[in-house]
Amino acid sequence: MKWKQFSEEQIIGILKEAEAGAVVTDLCRRHAMSTATYYAWKAKFGGLEVSDARRLRALEEENARLKRLLADTMLDNAGLKDLLSKKW
């Protein structure tokens, strides 16, 4: 089966359909996804609106960027300590 990537808007729309009373197995079949995928989405996006999902994505991207900056700084710091700790 072909792998599909759904946007946050589509995922939230599918979850709203299920909340409205659609049967999960029929919903999964119609959108060509597994029930495990549905429940993973429900755990992550359950109760969110589209604007909340966009904000969540932006926060995750910023968090990843800050983690990379911290790792680079710590690496530079460790390199300087190693360099200065050697006896001349």
N, C-alpha and C. Protein backbone atom coordinates (compact mmCIF):
# COMPACT_ATOMS: atom_id res chain seq x y z
N MET A 1 0.83 -1.17 0.00
CA MET A 1 0.00 0.00 0.00
C MET A 1 0.88 1.25 0.00
N LYS A 2 0.39 2.26 -0.64
CA LYS A 2 1.14 3.51 -0.75
C LYS A 2 1.12 4.27 0.57
N TRP A 3 2.28 4.80 0.96
CA TRP A 3 2.38 5.56 2.20
C TRP A 3 1.87 6.96 1.96
N LYS A 4 1.02 7.42 2.85
CA LYS A 4 0.46 8.76 2.74
C LYS A 4 0.87 9.57 3.95
N GLN A 5 1.06 10.83 3.73
CA GLN A 5 1.31 11.73 4.84
C GLN A 5 0.14 12.68 4.94
N PHE A 6 -0.43 12.76 6.10
CA PHE A 6 -1.56 13.62 6.33
C PHE A 6 -1.09 14.89 7.05
N SER A 7 -1.70 16.00 6.72
CA SER A 7 -1.38 17.24 7.42
C SER A 7 -2.14 17.26 8.74
N GLU A 8 -1.77 18.20 9.60
CA GLU A 8 -2.45 18.31 10.88
C GLU A 8 -3.94 18.60 10.69
N GLU A 9 -4.25 19.41 9.69
CA GLU A 9 -5.65 19.74 9.44
C GLU A 9 -6.45 18.51 9.06
N GLN A 10 -5.85 17.66 8.21
CA GLN A 10 -6.53 16.43 7.81
C GLN A 10 -6.69 15.48 8.98
N ILE A 11 -5.64 15.35 9.80
CA ILE A 11 -5.69 14.46 10.95
C ILE A 11 -6.79 14.90 11.91
N ILE A 12 -6.85 16.18 12.20
CA ILE A 12 -7.85 16.69 13.12
C ILE A 12 -9.25 16.52 12.53
N GLY A 13 -9.37 16.68 11.21
CA GLY A 13 -10.65 16.46 10.55
C GLY A 13 -11.12 15.02 10.69
N ILE A 14 -10.19 14.08 10.53
CA ILE A 14 -10.53 12.66 10.68
C ILE A 14 -10.94 12.36 12.11
N LEU A 15 -10.23 12.92 13.08
CA LEU A 15 -10.59 12.72 14.48
C LEU A 15 -11.95 13.32 14.81
N LYS A 16 -12.26 14.46 14.21
CA LYS A 16 -13.58 15.08 14.43
C LYS A 16 -14.69 14.21 13.85
N GLU A 17 -14.42 13.57 12.70
CA GLU A 17 -15.41 12.65 12.13
C GLU A 17 -15.71 11.51 13.09
N ALA A 18 -14.67 10.97 13.71
CA ALA A 18 -14.86 9.87 14.65
C ALA A 18 -15.62 10.33 15.89
N GLU A 19 -15.33 11.55 16.35
CA GLU A 19 -16.06 12.09 17.50
C GLU A 19 -17.52 12.33 17.18
N ALA A 20 -17.81 12.61 15.91
CA ALA A 20 -19.18 12.87 15.50
C ALA A 20 -20.01 11.59 15.42
N GLY A 21 -19.35 10.44 15.51
CA GLY A 21 -20.10 9.20 15.54
C GLY A 21 -19.75 8.21 14.45
N ALA A 22 -18.77 8.49 13.63
CA ALA A 22 -18.38 7.55 12.58
C ALA A 22 -17.68 6.35 13.20
N VAL A 23 -17.85 5.20 12.60
CA VAL A 23 -17.21 3.98 13.07
C VAL A 23 -15.73 4.04 12.68
N VAL A 24 -14.87 3.74 13.64
CA VAL A 24 -13.43 3.90 13.45
C VAL A 24 -12.91 3.01 12.33
N THR A 25 -13.36 1.77 12.26
CA THR A 25 -12.86 0.87 11.22
C THR A 25 -13.27 1.35 9.83
N ASP A 26 -14.49 1.84 9.68
CA ASP A 26 -14.91 2.37 8.39
C ASP A 26 -14.13 3.64 8.04
N LEU A 27 -13.91 4.46 9.03
CA LEU A 27 -13.15 5.70 8.84
C LEU A 27 -11.72 5.39 8.39
N CYS A 28 -11.11 4.41 9.02
CA CYS A 28 -9.74 4.03 8.66
C CYS A 28 -9.69 3.44 7.26
N ARG A 29 -10.68 2.64 6.91
CA ARG A 29 -10.71 2.06 5.57
C ARG A 29 -10.89 3.14 4.51
N ARG A 30 -11.76 4.11 4.79
CA ARG A 30 -12.04 5.18 3.83
C ARG A 30 -10.80 6.05 3.59
N HIS A 31 -10.00 6.28 4.62
CA HIS A 31 -8.82 7.14 4.49
C HIS A 31 -7.53 6.34 4.27
N ALA A 32 -7.64 5.03 4.11
CA ALA A 32 -6.50 4.14 3.83
C ALA A 32 -5.41 4.25 4.89
N MET A 33 -5.81 4.01 6.13
CA MET A 33 -4.86 4.02 7.23
C MET A 33 -5.22 2.90 8.19
N SER A 34 -4.34 2.57 9.10
CA SER A 34 -4.60 1.50 10.05
C SER A 34 -5.27 2.06 11.30
N THR A 35 -5.88 1.18 12.06
CA THR A 35 -6.50 1.62 13.30
C THR A 35 -5.44 2.04 14.32
N ALA A 36 -4.26 1.42 14.24
CA ALA A 36 -3.17 1.81 15.14
C ALA A 36 -2.77 3.26 14.88
N THR A 37 -2.74 3.64 13.60
CA THR A 37 -2.44 5.03 13.25
C THR A 37 -3.49 5.97 13.82
N TYR A 38 -4.75 5.57 13.71
CA TYR A 38 -5.83 6.40 14.25
C TYR A 38 -5.65 6.62 15.75
N TYR A 39 -5.38 5.55 16.48
CA TYR A 39 -5.25 5.70 17.93
C TYR A 39 -3.98 6.45 18.33
N ALA A 40 -2.93 6.35 17.52
CA ALA A 40 -1.72 7.14 17.79
C ALA A 40 -2.02 8.62 17.57
N TRP A 41 -2.77 8.92 16.50
CA TRP A 41 -3.18 10.30 16.26
C TRP A 41 -4.08 10.80 17.36
N LYS A 42 -4.97 9.94 17.83
CA LYS A 42 -5.89 10.35 18.89
C LYS A 42 -5.13 10.67 20.18
N ALA A 43 -4.08 9.90 20.45
CA ALA A 43 -3.27 10.17 21.63
C ALA A 43 -2.52 11.48 21.50
N LYS A 44 -2.06 11.80 20.28
CA LYS A 44 -1.27 13.00 20.09
C LYS A 44 -2.12 14.24 19.86
N PHE A 45 -3.16 14.12 19.02
CA PHE A 45 -3.94 15.28 18.60
C PHE A 45 -5.35 15.32 19.19
N GLY A 46 -5.69 14.39 20.07
CA GLY A 46 -7.04 14.35 20.61
C GLY A 46 -7.37 15.61 21.38
N GLY A 47 -8.47 16.27 21.02
CA GLY A 47 -8.91 17.47 21.70
C GLY A 47 -8.27 18.75 21.21
N LEU A 48 -7.40 18.67 20.21
CA LEU A 48 -6.75 19.88 19.69
C LEU A 48 -7.55 20.47 18.54
N GLU A 49 -7.42 21.74 18.38
CA GLU A 49 -7.95 22.43 17.21
C GLU A 49 -6.80 22.62 16.22
N VAL A 50 -7.10 23.07 15.03
CA VAL A 50 -6.08 23.24 13.99
C VAL A 50 -5.03 24.26 14.43
N SER A 51 -5.47 25.35 15.03
CA SER A 51 -4.51 26.37 15.47
C SER A 51 -3.60 25.83 16.57
N ASP A 52 -4.15 25.00 17.45
CA ASP A 52 -3.34 24.39 18.50
C ASP A 52 -2.29 23.45 17.92
N ALA A 53 -2.67 22.70 16.89
CA ALA A 53 -1.73 21.77 16.26
C ALA A 53 -0.60 22.53 15.57
N ARG A 54 -0.93 23.64 14.91
CA ARG A 54 0.12 24.44 14.27
C ARG A 54 1.07 25.00 15.32
N ARG A 55 0.52 25.46 16.43
CA ARG A 55 1.35 26.00 17.51
C ARG A 55 2.23 24.91 18.11
N LEU A 56 1.68 23.70 18.25
CA LEU A 56 2.45 22.58 18.76
C LEU A 56 3.62 22.25 17.85
N ARG A 57 3.38 22.26 16.54
CA ARG A 57 4.46 21.99 15.59
C ARG A 57 5.54 23.07 15.67
N ALA A 58 5.13 24.31 15.77
CA ALA A 58 6.10 25.41 15.86
C ALA A 58 6.94 25.28 17.13
N LEU A 59 6.31 24.92 18.22
CA LEU A 59 7.04 24.74 19.48
C LEU A 59 8.02 23.57 19.40
N GLU A 60 7.61 22.48 18.75
CA GLU A 60 8.50 21.33 18.60
C GLU A 60 9.71 21.69 17.73
N GLU A 61 9.50 22.46 16.67
CA GLU A 61 10.61 22.88 15.82
C GLU A 61 11.56 23.80 16.57
N GLU A 62 11.01 24.72 17.36
CA GLU A 62 11.86 25.62 18.13
C GLU A 62 12.64 24.85 19.19
N ASN A 63 12.00 23.87 19.81
CA ASN A 63 12.67 23.05 20.82
C ASN A 63 13.83 22.27 20.20
N ALA A 64 13.63 21.71 19.01
CA ALA A 64 14.70 20.98 18.34
C ALA A 64 15.85 21.91 18.00
N ARG A 65 15.53 23.13 17.54
CA ARG A 65 16.58 24.10 17.21
C ARG A 65 17.38 24.48 18.45
N LEU A 66 16.70 24.70 19.56
CA LEU A 66 17.39 25.07 20.79
C LEU A 66 18.25 23.92 21.31
N LYS A 67 17.79 22.69 21.16
CA LYS A 67 18.58 21.54 21.58
C LYS A 67 19.87 21.43 20.75
N ARG A 68 19.76 21.69 19.43
CA ARG A 68 20.96 21.68 18.59
C ARG A 68 21.94 22.77 19.01
N LEU A 69 21.43 23.96 19.31
CA LEU A 69 22.30 25.05 19.75
C LEU A 69 23.00 24.70 21.05
N LEU A 70 22.27 24.11 21.98
CA LEU A 70 22.85 23.72 23.26
C LEU A 70 23.92 22.64 23.06
N ALA A 71 23.65 21.67 22.21
CA ALA A 71 24.63 20.62 21.95
C ALA A 71 25.90 21.19 21.32
N ASP A 72 25.75 22.10 20.38
CA ASP A 72 26.92 22.73 19.77
C ASP A 72 27.73 23.51 20.79
N THR A 73 27.06 24.24 21.64
CA THR A 73 27.75 25.02 22.67
C THR A 73 28.48 24.12 23.65
N MET A 74 27.84 23.04 24.06
CA MET A 74 28.48 22.11 24.99
C MET A 74 29.69 21.44 24.34
N LEU A 75 29.60 21.14 23.05
CA LEU A 75 30.72 20.53 22.34
C LEU A 75 31.89 21.51 22.27
N ASP A 76 31.62 22.76 21.95
CA ASP A 76 32.67 23.77 21.92
C ASP A 76 33.30 23.95 23.29
N ASN A 77 32.47 23.96 24.32
CA ASN A 77 32.95 24.13 25.68
C ASN A 77 33.85 22.96 26.09
N ALA A 78 33.44 21.75 25.75
CA ALA A 78 34.26 20.58 26.09
C ALA A 78 35.59 20.61 25.33
N GLY A 79 35.55 21.04 24.08
CA GLY A 79 36.79 21.15 23.30
C GLY A 79 37.74 22.16 23.89
N LEU A 80 37.23 23.30 24.33
CA LEU A 80 38.08 24.32 24.95
C LEU A 80 38.66 23.82 26.27
N LYS A 81 37.88 23.10 27.05
CA LYS A 81 38.39 22.57 28.32
C LYS A 81 39.51 21.56 28.06
N ASP A 82 39.31 20.71 27.07
CA ASP A 82 40.36 19.74 26.74
C ASP A 82 41.64 20.44 26.28
N LEU A 83 41.47 21.46 25.48
CA LEU A 83 42.62 22.20 24.96
C LEU A 83 43.36 22.92 26.08
N LEU A 84 42.63 23.52 27.00
CA LEU A 84 43.26 24.28 28.09
C LEU A 84 43.81 23.38 29.19
N SER A 85 43.29 22.17 29.29
CA SER A 85 43.75 21.31 30.37
C SER A 85 45.10 20.65 30.08
N LYS A 86 45.50 20.64 28.83
CA LYS A 86 46.80 20.04 28.48
C LYS A 86 47.94 20.95 28.95
N LYS A 87 48.98 20.34 29.44
CA LYS A 87 50.14 21.10 29.89
C LYS A 87 51.01 21.45 28.71
N TRP A 88 51.49 22.65 28.70
CA TRP A 88 52.34 23.10 27.60
C TRP A 88 53.75 22.77 27.92
